[in-house]
Protein backbone atom coordinates (compact mmCIF):
# COMPACT_ATOMS: atom_id res chain seq x y z
CA MET A 1 -45.09 -21.58 -102.16
CA SER A 2 -43.66 -18.09 -102.30
CA GLU A 3 -43.22 -15.94 -99.24
CA THR A 4 -44.83 -12.54 -98.86
CA PRO A 5 -42.68 -9.67 -97.61
CA GLU A 6 -43.60 -7.89 -94.40
CA ILE A 7 -44.94 -4.36 -94.75
CA ALA A 8 -42.33 -2.25 -92.97
CA ALA A 9 -44.36 0.97 -93.35
CA LYS A 10 -47.23 2.35 -95.41
CA GLU A 11 -45.31 5.35 -96.66
CA PRO A 12 -42.02 5.79 -98.54
CA ILE A 13 -38.75 6.46 -96.75
CA LYS A 14 -36.84 9.51 -97.96
CA VAL A 15 -33.08 8.99 -98.14
CA ASP A 16 -30.45 11.40 -99.41
CA VAL A 17 -28.39 9.27 -101.78
CA GLU A 18 -25.02 9.80 -103.42
CA GLU A 19 -24.47 9.42 -107.16
CA GLY A 20 -22.59 6.21 -108.00
CA LYS A 21 -23.08 4.65 -104.56
CA THR A 22 -24.82 1.27 -104.38
CA TYR A 23 -27.50 0.72 -101.73
CA PHE A 24 -29.00 -2.64 -100.76
CA TRP A 25 -32.78 -2.37 -100.43
CA CYS A 26 -34.52 -4.73 -98.01
CA THR A 27 -36.97 -6.95 -99.91
CA CYS A 28 -38.22 -9.02 -96.95
CA GLY A 29 -39.50 -6.14 -94.82
CA GLN A 30 -37.84 -7.49 -91.66
CA SER A 31 -34.78 -5.22 -91.55
CA LYS A 32 -34.46 -2.90 -88.56
CA ARG A 33 -32.53 -0.50 -90.83
CA GLN A 34 -35.35 0.23 -93.33
CA PRO A 35 -35.27 0.75 -96.19
CA PHE A 36 -31.93 -1.04 -96.30
CA CYS A 37 -30.89 -4.61 -95.57
CA ASP A 38 -29.50 -5.65 -92.18
CA GLY A 39 -29.31 -9.39 -92.90
CA SER A 40 -32.71 -10.27 -91.41
CA HIS A 41 -33.67 -12.04 -94.64
CA GLN A 42 -31.31 -14.94 -93.94
CA THR A 43 -34.15 -17.13 -92.60
CA THR A 44 -36.28 -16.35 -95.69
CA SER A 45 -36.10 -16.84 -99.45
CA PHE A 46 -35.57 -13.09 -99.95
CA THR A 47 -32.32 -11.39 -100.94
CA PRO A 48 -31.49 -7.67 -100.86
CA LEU A 49 -31.81 -5.70 -104.09
CA PRO A 50 -28.74 -3.66 -105.08
CA TRP A 51 -29.54 -0.21 -106.47
CA THR A 52 -27.03 2.37 -107.64
CA ALA A 53 -27.96 6.03 -107.43
CA THR A 54 -27.77 7.87 -110.76
CA LYS A 55 -27.68 11.28 -109.10
CA THR A 56 -27.09 12.82 -105.69
CA GLY A 57 -30.19 13.95 -103.84
CA PRO A 58 -33.36 12.61 -102.26
CA ALA A 59 -34.78 9.22 -103.23
CA PHE A 60 -38.03 7.77 -101.93
CA PHE A 61 -37.62 4.07 -101.16
CA CYS A 62 -40.62 1.76 -100.92
CA ALA A 63 -41.31 0.50 -97.39
CA CYS A 64 -44.51 -1.44 -98.11
CA LYS A 65 -42.55 -3.80 -100.42
CA GLN A 66 -45.40 -3.77 -102.98
CA THR A 67 -43.85 -1.39 -105.53
CA ALA A 68 -43.54 -2.30 -109.19
CA LYS A 69 -40.55 0.07 -109.44
CA SER A 70 -38.27 -1.60 -106.90
CA PRO A 71 -36.69 -0.20 -104.85
CA LEU A 72 -38.40 3.16 -105.30
CA CYS A 73 -41.94 4.01 -104.25
CA ASP A 74 -44.64 3.93 -106.93
CA GLY A 75 -47.56 4.77 -104.63
CA SER A 76 -48.62 1.14 -104.04
CA HIS A 77 -48.91 1.83 -100.31
CA ALA A 78 -52.01 3.96 -101.01
CA ARG A 79 -53.88 0.80 -102.04
CA LEU A 80 -53.10 -1.16 -98.86
CA ALA A 81 -55.82 -1.77 -96.31
CA ASP A 82 -55.39 -0.14 -92.91
């Protein structure tokens, strides 16, 4: 049985990222430091997803955890029920 991630928010989180820096995206939805991991996944089967920025500037990270373009938003939150 696979676990389902918690929906942290129903909109992307804008983060100014730095080229070459690696960020660890929360995949479980439980982190208090969304969109990044704070270790809350340790009681789950989830692990953080490392992502390295290819350029400096804004990035829109998925907070609903339903994206097909992890860790970035692909608009999946628009299809979630309220």
